Every structure is written in C-alpha cells, then in structure tokens.
Protein backbone atom coordinates (compact mmCIF):
# COMPACT_ATOMS: atom_id res chain seq x y z
CA MET A 1 -10.23 -29.59 75.16
CA THR A 2 -11.65 -28.54 71.83
CA LYS A 3 -15.10 -29.53 70.69
CA ARG A 4 -13.53 -31.83 68.11
CA SER A 5 -11.33 -33.69 70.60
CA GLY A 6 -14.26 -33.90 73.02
CA THR A 7 -16.30 -35.59 70.30
CA LEU A 8 -13.51 -38.09 69.68
CA SER A 9 -13.31 -38.86 73.40
CA MET A 10 -17.06 -39.37 73.48
CA ARG A 11 -16.90 -41.72 70.49
CA LEU A 12 -14.11 -43.75 72.07
CA ALA A 13 -16.03 -43.97 75.34
CA LEU A 14 -19.16 -45.08 73.44
CA ALA A 15 -17.16 -47.69 71.55
CA GLY A 16 -15.84 -49.01 74.85
CA ALA A 17 -19.31 -49.11 76.37
CA ILE A 18 -20.62 -51.05 73.38
CA ALA A 19 -17.73 -53.49 73.63
CA GLY A 20 -18.36 -53.88 77.38
CA CYS A 21 -15.12 -52.21 78.45
CA ALA A 22 -14.92 -49.78 81.32
CA THR A 23 -12.11 -47.98 79.52
CA PRO A 24 -11.91 -48.34 75.74
CA PRO A 25 -8.66 -50.06 74.72
CA ALA A 26 -7.70 -47.08 72.56
CA MET A 27 -7.71 -44.88 75.67
CA ALA A 28 -5.97 -47.33 78.00
CA GLN A 29 -2.61 -46.29 79.43
CA SER A 30 0.28 -48.50 78.43
CA GLY A 31 2.11 -47.71 81.66
CA GLU A 32 2.43 -45.03 84.28
CA GLY A 33 3.34 -41.75 82.64
CA GLU A 34 3.23 -43.21 79.12
CA PRO A 35 0.82 -41.97 76.47
CA PRO A 36 -2.24 -44.05 75.59
CA THR A 37 -1.71 -46.81 73.06
CA ALA A 38 -4.11 -47.95 70.36
CA ALA A 39 -5.55 -51.42 70.55
CA PRO A 40 -4.67 -53.75 67.68
CA ALA A 41 -7.12 -53.64 64.79
CA ARG A 42 -9.90 -56.20 65.00
CA ASP A 43 -10.41 -58.72 62.20
CA PRO A 44 -13.40 -57.33 60.28
CA ASP A 45 -14.60 -60.80 59.25
CA ILE A 46 -14.92 -61.79 62.89
CA ALA A 47 -17.00 -58.69 63.60
CA VAL A 48 -19.26 -59.41 60.60
CA GLN A 49 -19.66 -63.04 61.70
CA GLU A 50 -20.66 -61.88 65.19
CA GLU A 51 -23.26 -59.54 63.70
CA PHE A 52 -24.56 -62.38 61.52
CA ASP A 53 -24.82 -64.65 64.56
CA ALA A 54 -26.73 -61.94 66.43
CA ALA A 55 -29.15 -61.59 63.50
CA ARG A 56 -29.59 -65.36 63.47
CA ARG A 57 -30.37 -65.41 67.21
CA ALA A 58 -32.91 -62.58 66.81
CA ASP A 59 -34.28 -64.07 63.59
CA THR A 60 -36.45 -61.04 62.84
CA VAL A 61 -37.05 -59.13 59.62
CA LYS A 62 -35.48 -56.06 61.21
CA ALA A 63 -32.32 -57.94 62.27
CA TRP A 64 -31.78 -59.43 58.81
CA GLU A 65 -32.50 -56.11 57.07
CA LEU A 66 -29.97 -54.37 59.31
CA PHE A 67 -27.31 -57.00 58.60
CA ILE A 68 -27.88 -56.73 54.84
CA ALA A 69 -27.82 -52.93 54.97
CA ARG A 70 -24.54 -52.92 56.89
CA HIS A 71 -22.82 -55.66 54.86
CA PRO A 72 -24.41 -55.81 51.38
CA ASP A 73 -21.25 -57.11 49.67
CA HIS A 74 -20.19 -59.63 52.31
CA PRO A 75 -20.59 -63.32 51.38
CA LEU A 76 -22.93 -63.79 54.37
CA ALA A 77 -25.36 -61.24 52.89
CA ARG A 78 -26.65 -63.91 50.49
CA GLU A 79 -27.58 -66.21 53.37
CA ALA A 80 -29.07 -63.24 55.23
CA GLN A 81 -31.25 -62.48 52.21
CA GLN A 82 -32.43 -66.10 52.15
CA GLN A 83 -33.38 -65.83 55.82
CA LEU A 84 -35.19 -62.55 55.14
CA ARG A 85 -37.15 -64.13 52.26
CA ARG A 86 -38.04 -67.06 54.52
CA LEU A 87 -39.49 -64.68 57.11
CA THR A 88 -41.35 -62.49 54.62
CA GLY A 89 -42.63 -65.35 52.49
CA GLN A 90 -41.05 -64.00 49.31
C-alpha cells in the first residue's frame, strides 16, 4: 500500500466514522469476491439542511459562524446570518 492509497483509506474510514458506519459505504463489498462499490452520491442540499439544523440546535455564535463559513452562498446562509446577528446584538 502506498502512502497515497493509505491516506485515501484513512479518509474513507474517517468519513464512515463521522457518518456512524462501521464500514464506510464506499469500502463495503458488494458481494463475496466482488470489488468494493461506491455508495450513491448524497443530495448536497440535505447535508446542508442537516448542518443548518445542527447549528440551530446548538444556537451558538461559533455554530452559526461555522455554517456561514462552510456555506456562504447557500440560501440558508442569510437566515444563519440573521441568527448570528441576533446572538451578537448587531
């Protein structure tokens, strides 16, 4: 295993751990003796909405700043900025 492929394996394992999977879907075997298959792409709007909901639950300056930094052009960024202004009194 090269250093580069080891890094990719580590990233996939980390992605699986973050998602709560024991084995990341991208590394899952499709059947005995078959090569691994990639999981279908996730809808990015769903992921952004989940991050927005997490920021709303935390309702901290740091949570809203992180959401805005990660998704500055998303339509939910405007609402996130309103929430940030509410917390900072601006």
